[in-house]
Amino acid sequence: LTAAEVKAGRKASPQTNAAGGVGLFTAAIDEVVEIMDARF
C-alpha cells in the first residue's frame, strides 16, 4: 500500500515475491526480528 492509503486507514501486511523478497511496513522492531529469524 502507499503512504496515502495508510493515512486513509488501510492496514499493511508483509509482502513477498517469487524471488523470496520480503517487504515489511511496521512500527515494531520485534516483528522485524521475527521475520529475520525465519529467514536466516
PDB file of all heavy atoms in Angstrom:
ATOM      1  N   LEU A   1       0.842  -1.184   0.000  1.00  0.00           N
ATOM      2  CA  LEU A   1       0.000   0.000   0.000  1.00  0.00           C
ATOM      3  C   LEU A   1       0.881   1.240   0.000  1.00  0.00           C
ATOM      4  O   LEU A   1       2.091   1.151   0.178  1.00  0.00           O
ATOM      5  CB  LEU A   1      -0.954   0.009   1.190  1.00  0.00           C
ATOM      6  CG  LEU A   1      -0.397   0.225   2.615  1.00  0.00           C
ATOM      7  CD1 LEU A   1      -1.545   0.225   3.610  1.00  0.00           C
ATOM      8  CD2 LEU A   1       0.611  -0.808   3.020  1.00  0.00           C
ATOM      9  N   THR A   2       0.263   2.395  -0.230  1.00  0.00           N
ATOM     10  CA  THR A   2       1.004   3.650  -0.300  1.00  0.00           C
ATOM     11  C   THR A   2       0.839   4.439   0.994  1.00  0.00           C
ATOM     12  O   THR A   2       0.000   4.108   1.848  1.00  0.00           O
ATOM     13  CB  THR A   2       0.521   4.512  -1.466  1.00  0.00           C
ATOM     14  OG1 THR A   2      -0.842   4.909  -1.208  1.00  0.00           O
ATOM     15  CG2 THR A   2       0.598   3.740  -2.778  1.00  0.00           C
ATOM     16  N   ALA A   3       1.617   5.511   1.127  1.00  0.00           N
ATOM     17  CA  ALA A   3       1.509   6.367   2.308  1.00  0.00           C
ATOM     18  C   ALA A   3       0.107   6.959   2.420  1.00  0.00           C
ATOM     19  O   ALA A   3      -0.449   7.060   3.521  1.00  0.00           O
ATOM     20  CB  ALA A   3       2.562   7.471   2.251  1.00  0.00           C
ATOM     21  N   ALA A   4      -0.469   7.341   1.280  1.00  0.00           N
ATOM     22  CA  ALA A   4      -1.823   7.912   1.300  1.00  0.00           C
ATOM     23  C   ALA A   4      -2.844   6.892   1.785  1.00  0.00           C
ATOM     24  O   ALA A   4      -3.778   7.226   2.522  1.00  0.00           O
ATOM     25  CB  ALA A   4      -2.188   8.419  -0.091  1.00  0.00           C
ATOM     26  N   GLU A   5      -2.666   5.649   1.392  1.00  0.00           N
ATOM     27  CA  GLU A   5      -3.602   4.599   1.817  1.00  0.00           C
ATOM     28  C   GLU A   5      -3.467   4.295   3.305  1.00  0.00           C
ATOM     29  O   GLU A   5      -4.447   3.970   3.971  1.00  0.00           O
ATOM     30  CB  GLU A   5      -3.371   3.344   0.977  1.00  0.00           C
ATOM     31  CG  GLU A   5      -3.809   3.514  -0.476  1.00  0.00           C
ATOM     32  CD  GLU A   5      -3.326   2.409  -1.395  1.00  0.00           C
ATOM     33  OE1 GLU A   5      -2.325   1.728  -1.049  1.00  0.00           O
ATOM     34  OE2 GLU A   5      -3.931   2.230  -2.465  1.00  0.00           O
ATOM     35  N   VAL A   6      -2.253   4.424   3.833  1.00  0.00           N
ATOM     36  CA  VAL A   6      -2.070   4.252   5.281  1.00  0.00           C
ATOM     37  C   VAL A   6      -2.801   5.360   6.020  1.00  0.00           C
ATOM     38  O   VAL A   6      -3.487   5.121   7.023  1.00  0.00           O
ATOM     39  CB  VAL A   6      -0.572   4.256   5.639  1.00  0.00           C
ATOM     40  CG1 VAL A   6      -0.373   4.336   7.150  1.00  0.00           C
ATOM     41  CG2 VAL A   6       0.115   3.017   5.091  1.00  0.00           C
ATOM     42  N   LYS A   7      -2.684   6.593   5.532  1.00  0.00           N
ATOM     43  CA  LYS A   7      -3.366   7.715   6.170  1.00  0.00           C
ATOM     44  C   LYS A   7      -4.879   7.573   6.094  1.00  0.00           C
ATOM     45  O   LYS A   7      -5.614   8.082   6.943  1.00  0.00           O
ATOM     46  CB  LYS A   7      -2.934   9.023   5.508  1.00  0.00           C
ATOM     47  CG  LYS A   7      -1.473   9.380   5.769  1.00  0.00           C
ATOM     48  CD  LYS A   7      -1.061  10.632   5.016  1.00  0.00           C
ATOM     49  CE  LYS A   7       0.405  10.966   5.242  1.00  0.00           C
ATOM     50  NZ  LYS A   7       0.850  12.157   4.470  1.00  0.00           N
ATOM     51  N   ALA A   8      -5.350   6.839   5.075  1.00  0.00           N
ATOM     52  CA  ALA A   8      -6.794   6.612   4.925  1.00  0.00           C
ATOM     53  C   ALA A   8      -7.277   5.461   5.803  1.00  0.00           C
ATOM     54  O   ALA A   8      -8.471   5.156   5.805  1.00  0.00           O
ATOM     55  CB  ALA A   8      -7.120   6.322   3.462  1.00  0.00           C
ATOM     56  N   GLY A   9      -6.353   4.819   6.532  1.00  0.00           N
ATOM     57  CA  GLY A   9      -6.770   3.790   7.480  1.00  0.00           C
ATOM     58  C   GLY A   9      -6.519   2.361   7.073  1.00  0.00           C
ATOM     59  O   GLY A   9      -6.876   1.436   7.807  1.00  0.00           O
ATOM     60  N   ARG A  10      -5.918   2.136   5.916  1.00  0.00           N
ATOM     61  CA  ARG A  10      -5.654   0.755   5.492  1.00  0.00           C
ATOM     62  C   ARG A  10      -4.523   0.145   6.314  1.00  0.00           C
ATOM     63  O   ARG A  10      -3.591   0.824   6.717  1.00  0.00           O
ATOM     64  CB  ARG A  10      -5.298   0.698   4.011  1.00  0.00           C
ATOM     65  CG  ARG A  10      -6.502   0.861   3.087  1.00  0.00           C
ATOM     66  CD  ARG A  10      -6.130   0.512   1.657  1.00  0.00           C
ATOM     67  NE  ARG A  10      -5.537  -0.826   1.558  1.00  0.00           N
ATOM     68  CZ  ARG A  10      -4.994  -1.325   0.445  1.00  0.00           C
ATOM     69  NH1 ARG A  10      -4.944  -0.586  -0.653  1.00  0.00           N
ATOM     70  NH2 ARG A  10      -4.486  -2.545   0.437  1.00  0.00           N
ATOM     71  N   LYS A  11      -4.614  -1.147   6.556  1.00  0.00           N
ATOM     72  CA  LYS A  11      -3.617  -1.870   7.331  1.00  0.00           C
ATOM     73  C   LYS A  11      -2.666  -2.612   6.403  1.00  0.00           C
ATOM     74  O   LYS A  11      -3.073  -3.157   5.379  1.00  0.00           O
ATOM     75  CB  LYS A  11      -4.296  -2.867   8.273  1.00  0.00           C
ATOM     76  CG  LYS A  11      -5.249  -2.220   9.276  1.00  0.00           C
ATOM     77  CD  LYS A  11      -4.511  -1.274  10.219  1.00  0.00           C
ATOM     78  CE  LYS A  11      -5.472  -0.678  11.254  1.00  0.00           C
ATOM     79  NZ  LYS A  11      -4.785   0.295  12.150  1.00  0.00           N
ATOM     80  N   ALA A  12      -1.397  -2.648   6.784  1.00  0.00           N
ATOM     81  CA  ALA A  12      -0.384  -3.297   5.963  1.00  0.00           C
ATOM     82  C   ALA A  12      -0.182  -4.741   6.396  1.00  0.00           C
ATOM     83  O   ALA A  12      -0.457  -5.112   7.537  1.00  0.00           O
ATOM     84  CB  ALA A  12       0.934  -2.546   6.080  1.00  0.00           C
ATOM     85  N   SER A  13       0.298  -5.551   5.480  1.00  0.00           N
ATOM     86  CA  SER A  13       0.708  -6.918   5.770  1.00  0.00           C
ATOM     87  C   SER A  13       1.989  -7.195   5.004  1.00  0.00           C
ATOM     88  O   SER A  13       2.248  -6.579   3.964  1.00  0.00           O
ATOM     89  CB  SER A  13      -0.384  -7.914   5.369  1.00  0.00           C
ATOM     90  OG  SER A  13      -0.665  -7.813   3.984  1.00  0.00           O
ATOM     91  N   PRO A  14       2.851  -8.105   5.477  1.00  0.00           N
ATOM     92  CA  PRO A  14       4.105  -8.383   4.788  1.00  0.00           C
ATOM     93  C   PRO A  14       3.870  -8.834   3.344  1.00  0.00           C
ATOM     94  O   PRO A  14       2.943  -9.594   3.050  1.00  0.00           O
ATOM     95  CB  PRO A  14       4.726  -9.506   5.622  1.00  0.00           C
ATOM     96  CG  PRO A  14       4.107  -9.354   6.977  1.00  0.00           C
ATOM     97  CD  PRO A  14       2.712  -8.875   6.730  1.00  0.00           C
ATOM     98  N   GLN A  15       4.718  -8.339   2.446  1.00  0.00           N
ATOM     99  CA  GLN A  15       4.633  -8.681   1.023  1.00  0.00           C
ATOM    100  C   GLN A  15       5.789  -9.617   0.661  1.00  0.00           C
ATOM    101  O   GLN A  15       6.899  -9.470   1.176  1.00  0.00           O
ATOM    102  CB  GLN A  15       4.717  -7.410   0.173  1.00  0.00           C
ATOM    103  CG  GLN A  15       3.642  -6.384   0.473  1.00  0.00           C
ATOM    104  CD  GLN A  15       2.244  -6.901   0.175  1.00  0.00           C
ATOM    105  OE1 GLN A  15       1.931  -7.262  -0.959  1.00  0.00           O
ATOM    106  NE2 GLN A  15       1.398  -6.934   1.198  1.00  0.00           N
ATOM    107  N   THR A  16       5.519 -10.561  -0.197  1.00  0.00           N
ATOM    108  CA  THR A  16       6.553 -11.477  -0.672  1.00  0.00           C
ATOM    109  C   THR A  16       6.487 -11.563  -2.194  1.00  0.00           C
ATOM    110  O   THR A  16       5.501 -11.165  -2.811  1.00  0.00           O
ATOM    111  CB  THR A  16       6.369 -12.881  -0.082  1.00  0.00           C
ATOM    112  OG1 THR A  16       5.082 -13.397  -0.459  1.00  0.00           O
ATOM    113  CG2 THR A  16       6.477 -12.860   1.438  1.00  0.00           C
ATOM    114  N   ASN A  17       7.572 -12.069  -2.790  1.00  0.00           N
ATOM    115  CA  ASN A  17       7.569 -12.286  -4.233  1.00  0.00           C
ATOM    116  C   ASN A  17       8.228 -13.621  -4.553  1.00  0.00           C
ATOM    117  O   ASN A  17       8.718 -14.335  -3.665  1.00  0.00           O
ATOM    118  CB  ASN A  17       8.273 -11.127  -4.962  1.00  0.00           C
ATOM    119  CG  ASN A  17       9.722 -10.941  -4.504  1.00  0.00           C
ATOM    120  OD1 ASN A  17      10.380 -11.878  -4.068  1.00  0.00           O
ATOM    121  ND2 ASN A  17      10.223  -9.716  -4.598  1.00  0.00           N
ATOM    122  N   ALA A  18       8.246 -13.971  -5.825  1.00  0.00           N
ATOM    123  CA  ALA A  18       8.747 -15.268  -6.251  1.00  0.00           C
ATOM    124  C   ALA A  18      10.228 -15.456  -5.969  1.00  0.00           C
ATOM    125  O   ALA A  18      10.704 -16.591  -5.819  1.00  0.00           O
ATOM    126  CB  ALA A  18       8.467 -15.462  -7.743  1.00  0.00           C
ATOM    127  N   ALA A  19      10.979 -14.370  -5.884  1.00  0.00           N
ATOM    128  CA  ALA A  19      12.418 -14.461  -5.626  1.00  0.00           C
ATOM    129  C   ALA A  19      12.746 -14.656  -4.153  1.00  0.00           C
ATOM    130  O   ALA A  19      13.911 -14.831  -3.792  1.00  0.00           O
ATOM    131  CB  ALA A  19      13.126 -13.206  -6.139  1.00  0.00           C
ATOM    132  N   GLY A  20      11.714 -14.612  -3.304  1.00  0.00           N
ATOM    133  CA  GLY A  20      11.933 -14.735  -1.872  1.00  0.00           C
ATOM    134  C   GLY A  20      12.039 -13.415  -1.151  1.00  0.00           C
ATOM    135  O   GLY A  20      12.326 -13.385   0.046  1.00  0.00           O
ATOM    136  N   GLY A  21      11.811 -12.307  -1.871  1.00  0.00           N
ATOM    137  CA  GLY A  21      11.865 -10.994  -1.248  1.00  0.00           C
ATOM    138  C   GLY A  21      10.746 -10.781  -0.253  1.00  0.00           C
ATOM    139  O   GLY A  21       9.647 -11.334  -0.410  1.00  0.00           O
ATOM    140  N   VAL A  22      11.020  -9.985   0.785  1.00  0.00           N
ATOM    141  CA  VAL A  22      10.024  -9.633   1.793  1.00  0.00           C
ATOM    142  C   VAL A  22      10.004  -8.124   1.948  1.00  0.00           C
ATOM    143  O   VAL A  22      11.057  -7.487   2.094  1.00  0.00           O
ATOM    144  CB  VAL A  22      10.330 -10.289   3.154  1.00  0.00           C
ATOM    145  CG1 VAL A  22       9.399  -9.754   4.229  1.00  0.00           C
ATOM    146  CG2 VAL A  22      10.207 -11.795   3.066  1.00  0.00           C
ATOM    147  N   GLY A  23       8.816  -7.542   1.895  1.00  0.00           N
ATOM    148  CA  GLY A  23       8.635  -6.127   2.177  1.00  0.00           C
ATOM    149  C   GLY A  23       7.749  -5.977   3.398  1.00  0.00           C
ATOM    150  O   GLY A  23       6.649  -6.538   3.441  1.00  0.00           O
ATOM    151  N   LEU A  24       8.217  -5.252   4.402  1.00  0.00           N
ATOM    152  CA  LEU A  24       7.506  -5.147   5.667  1.00  0.00           C
ATOM    153  C   LEU A  24       7.368  -3.697   6.084  1.00  0.00           C
ATOM    154  O   LEU A  24       8.367  -2.968   6.166  1.00  0.00           O
ATOM    155  CB  LEU A  24       8.263  -5.922   6.753  1.00  0.00           C
ATOM    156  CG  LEU A  24       7.716  -5.830   8.176  1.00  0.00           C
ATOM    157  CD1 LEU A  24       6.347  -6.492   8.279  1.00  0.00           C
ATOM    158  CD2 LEU A  24       8.694  -6.456   9.173  1.00  0.00           C
ATOM    159  N   PHE A  25       6.137  -3.259   6.331  1.00  0.00           N
ATOM    160  CA  PHE A  25       5.867  -1.953   6.914  1.00  0.00           C
ATOM    161  C   PHE A  25       5.383  -2.186   8.334  1.00  0.00           C
ATOM    162  O   PHE A  25       4.360  -2.839   8.559  1.00  0.00           O
ATOM    163  CB  PHE A  25       4.820  -1.201   6.104  1.00  0.00           C
ATOM    164  CG  PHE A  25       4.333   0.079   6.768  1.00  0.00           C
ATOM    165  CD1 PHE A  25       5.229   0.984   7.314  1.00  0.00           C
ATOM    166  CD2 PHE A  25       2.980   0.363   6.851  1.00  0.00           C
ATOM    167  CE1 PHE A  25       4.800   2.148   7.930  1.00  0.00           C
ATOM    168  CE2 PHE A  25       2.530   1.539   7.454  1.00  0.00           C
ATOM    169  CZ  PHE A  25       3.441   2.427   7.995  1.00  0.00           C
ATOM    170  N   THR A  26       6.133  -1.685   9.329  1.00  0.00           N
ATOM    171  CA  THR A  26       5.811  -1.964  10.720  1.00  0.00           C
ATOM    172  C   THR A  26       6.340  -0.864  11.620  1.00  0.00           C
ATOM    173  O   THR A  26       7.236  -0.106  11.239  1.00  0.00           O
ATOM    174  CB  THR A  26       6.422  -3.316  11.156  1.00  0.00           C
ATOM    175  OG1 THR A  26       6.040  -3.600  12.511  1.00  0.00           O
ATOM    176  CG2 THR A  26       7.949  -3.281  11.064  1.00  0.00           C
ATOM    177  N   ALA A  27       5.786  -0.798  12.815  1.00  0.00           N
ATOM    178  CA  ALA A  27       6.292   0.110  13.845  1.00  0.00           C
ATOM    179  C   ALA A  27       6.916  -0.678  14.986  1.00  0.00           C
ATOM    180  O   ALA A  27       7.236  -0.101  16.031  1.00  0.00           O
ATOM    181  CB  ALA A  27       5.158   0.984  14.376  1.00  0.00           C
ATOM    182  N   ALA A  28       7.110  -1.991  14.802  1.00  0.00           N
ATOM    183  CA  ALA A  28       7.608  -2.858  15.872  1.00  0.00           C
ATOM    184  C   ALA A  28       8.887  -3.571  15.435  1.00  0.00           C
ATOM    185  O   ALA A  28       8.856  -4.359  14.483  1.00  0.00           O
ATOM    186  CB  ALA A  28       6.544  -3.878  16.259  1.00  0.00           C
ATOM    187  N   ILE A  29       9.986  -3.310  16.126  1.00  0.00           N
ATOM    188  CA  ILE A  29      11.242  -3.999  15.838  1.00  0.00           C
ATOM    189  C   ILE A  29      11.093  -5.499  16.082  1.00  0.00           C
ATOM    190  O   ILE A  29      11.699  -6.322  15.381  1.00  0.00           O
ATOM    191  CB  ILE A  29      12.382  -3.428  16.691  1.00  0.00           C
ATOM    192  CG1 ILE A  29      12.758  -2.023  16.194  1.00  0.00           C
ATOM    193  CG2 ILE A  29      13.609  -4.322  16.660  1.00  0.00           C
ATOM    194  CD1 ILE A  29      13.355  -1.991  14.801  1.00  0.00           C
ATOM    195  N   ASP A  30      10.276  -5.882  17.070  1.00  0.00           N
ATOM    196  CA  ASP A  30      10.059  -7.304  17.341  1.00  0.00           C
ATOM    197  C   ASP A  30       9.557  -8.037  16.103  1.00  0.00           C
ATOM    198  O   ASP A  30       9.941  -9.188  15.841  1.00  0.00           O
ATOM    199  CB  ASP A  30       9.065  -7.489  18.481  1.00  0.00           C
ATOM    200  CG  ASP A  30       9.649  -7.124  19.840  1.00  0.00           C
ATOM    201  OD1 ASP A  30      10.874  -6.868  19.908  1.00  0.00           O
ATOM    202  OD2 ASP A  30       8.893  -7.092  20.828  1.00  0.00           O
ATOM    203  N   GLU A  31       8.701  -7.393  15.315  1.00  0.00           N
ATOM    204  CA  GLU A  31       8.170  -8.019  14.105  1.00  0.00           C
ATOM    205  C   GLU A  31       9.275  -8.166  13.055  1.00  0.00           C
ATOM    206  O   GLU A  31       9.341  -9.170  12.340  1.00  0.00           O
ATOM    207  CB  GLU A  31       7.009  -7.198  13.546  1.00  0.00           C
ATOM    208  CG  GLU A  31       6.290  -7.877  12.384  1.00  0.00           C
ATOM    209  CD  GLU A  31       5.083  -7.093  11.887  1.00  0.00           C
ATOM    210  OE1 GLU A  31       4.812  -5.993  12.427  1.00  0.00           O
ATOM    211  OE2 GLU A  31       4.411  -7.578  10.952  1.00  0.00           O
ATOM    212  N   VAL A  32      10.151  -7.172  12.972  1.00  0.00           N
ATOM    213  CA  VAL A  32      11.283  -7.258  12.044  1.00  0.00           C
ATOM    214  C   VAL A  32      12.157  -8.457  12.403  1.00  0.00           C
ATOM    215  O   VAL A  32      12.546  -9.253  11.545  1.00  0.00           O
ATOM    216  CB  VAL A  32      12.113  -5.962  12.094  1.00  0.00           C
ATOM    217  CG1 VAL A  32      13.331  -6.069  11.172  1.00  0.00           C
ATOM    218  CG2 VAL A  32      11.259  -4.751  11.712  1.00  0.00           C
ATOM    219  N   VAL A  33      12.471  -8.594  13.686  1.00  0.00           N
ATOM    220  CA  VAL A  33      13.339  -9.677  14.145  1.00  0.00           C
ATOM    221  C   VAL A  33      12.691 -11.035  13.928  1.00  0.00           C
ATOM    222  O   VAL A  33      13.360 -12.007  13.532  1.00  0.00           O
ATOM    223  CB  VAL A  33      13.696  -9.474  15.635  1.00  0.00           C
ATOM    224  CG1 VAL A  33      14.451 -10.674  16.179  1.00  0.00           C
ATOM    225  CG2 VAL A  33      14.510  -8.202  15.806  1.00  0.00           C
ATOM    226  N   GLU A  34      11.399 -11.121  14.137  1.00  0.00           N
ATOM    227  CA  GLU A  34      10.685 -12.385  13.936  1.00  0.00           C
ATOM    228  C   GLU A  34      10.815 -12.871  12.493  1.00  0.00           C
ATOM    229  O   GLU A  34      11.085 -14.055  12.237  1.00  0.00           O
ATOM    230  CB  GLU A  34       9.207 -12.216  14.306  1.00  0.00           C
ATOM    231  CG  GLU A  34       8.391 -13.488  14.173  1.00  0.00           C
ATOM    232  CD  GLU A  34       6.928 -13.287  14.539  1.00  0.00           C
ATOM    233  OE1 GLU A  34       6.576 -12.190  15.050  1.00  0.00           O
ATOM    234  OE2 GLU A  34       6.125 -14.213  14.309  1.00  0.00           O
ATOM    235  N   ILE A  35      10.672 -11.971  11.535  1.00  0.00           N
ATOM    236  CA  ILE A  35      10.790 -12.365  10.129  1.00  0.00           C
ATOM    237  C   ILE A  35      12.252 -12.655   9.780  1.00  0.00           C
ATOM    238  O   ILE A  35      12.546 -13.601   9.037  1.00  0.00           O
ATOM    239  CB  ILE A  35      10.203 -11.270   9.221  1.00  0.00           C
ATOM    240  CG1 ILE A  35       8.688 -11.163   9.453  1.00  0.00           C
ATOM    241  CG2 ILE A  35      10.506 -11.558   7.753  1.00  0.00           C
ATOM    242  CD1 ILE A  35       8.002 -10.106   8.629  1.00  0.00           C
ATOM    243  N   MET A  36      13.176 -11.879  10.320  1.00  0.00           N
ATOM    244  CA  MET A  36      14.594 -12.157  10.093  1.00  0.00           C
ATOM    245  C   MET A  36      14.952 -13.561  10.569  1.00  0.00           C
ATOM    246  O   MET A  36      15.642 -14.322   9.869  1.00  0.00           O
ATOM    247  CB  MET A  36      15.459 -11.130  10.817  1.00  0.00           C
ATOM    248  CG  MET A  36      15.513  -9.765  10.174  1.00  0.00           C
ATOM    249  SD  MET A  36      16.468  -8.574  11.177  1.00  0.00           S
ATOM    250  CE  MET A  36      18.049  -9.410  11.315  1.00  0.00           C
ATOM    251  N   ASP A  37      14.514 -13.917  11.771  1.00  0.00           N
ATOM    252  CA  ASP A  37      14.850 -15.219  12.335  1.00  0.00           C
ATOM    253  C   ASP A  37      14.266 -16.367  11.515  1.00  0.00           C
ATOM    254  O   ASP A  37      14.830 -17.465  11.489  1.00  0.00           O
ATOM    255  CB  ASP A  37      14.360 -15.314  13.778  1.00  0.00           C
ATOM    256  CG  ASP A  37      15.218 -14.505  14.750  1.00  0.00           C
ATOM    257  OD1 ASP A  37      16.354 -14.159  14.382  1.00  0.00           O
ATOM    258  OD2 ASP A  37      14.744 -14.230  15.866  1.00  0.00           O
ATOM    259  N   ALA A  38      13.156 -16.101  10.849  1.00  0.00           N
ATOM    260  CA  ALA A  38      12.562 -17.135   9.999  1.00  0.00           C
ATOM    261  C   ALA A  38      13.305 -17.285   8.673  1.00  0.00           C
ATOM    262  O   ALA A  38      13.226 -18.330   8.019  1.00  0.00           O
ATOM    263  CB  ALA A  38      11.092 -16.815   9.738  1.00  0.00           C
ATOM    264  N   ARG A  39      14.065 -16.255   8.296  1.00  0.00           N
ATOM    265  CA  ARG A  39      14.753 -16.267   7.001  1.00  0.00           C
ATOM    266  C   ARG A  39      16.183 -16.802   7.082  1.00  0.00           C
ATOM    267  O   ARG A  39      16.660 -17.468   6.169  1.00  0.00           O
ATOM    268  CB  ARG A  39      14.780 -14.842   6.412  1.00  0.00           C
ATOM    269  CG  ARG A  39      13.443 -14.372   5.899  1.00  0.00           C
ATOM    270  CD  ARG A  39      13.494 -12.910   5.491  1.00  0.00           C
ATOM    271  NE  ARG A  39      14.395 -12.639   4.385  1.00  0.00           N
ATOM    272  CZ  ARG A  39      14.101 -12.790   3.102  1.00  0.00           C
ATOM    273  NH1 ARG A  39      12.902 -13.244   2.750  1.00  0.00           N
ATOM    274  NH2 ARG A  39      14.976 -12.486   2.155  1.00  0.00           N
ATOM    275  N   PHE A  40      16.905 -16.489   8.149  1.00  0.00           N
ATOM    276  CA  PHE A  40      18.293 -16.914   8.237  1.00  0.00           C
ATOM    277  C   PHE A  40      18.744 -16.908   9.701  1.00  0.00           C
ATOM    278  O   PHE A  40      18.180 -16.185  10.530  1.00  0.00           O
ATOM    279  CB  PHE A  40      19.217 -16.008   7.411  1.00  0.00           C
ATOM    280  CG  PHE A  40      19.056 -14.537   7.683  1.00  0.00           C
ATOM    281  CD1 PHE A  40      19.697 -13.938   8.755  1.00  0.00           C
ATOM    282  CD2 PHE A  40      18.253 -13.747   6.866  1.00  0.00           C
ATOM    283  CE1 PHE A  40      19.562 -12.580   9.008  1.00  0.00           C
ATOM    284  CE2 PHE A  40      18.100 -12.389   7.110  1.00  0.00           C
ATOM    285  CZ  PHE A  40      18.761 -11.809   8.188  1.00  0.00           C
TER     286      PHE A  40
END
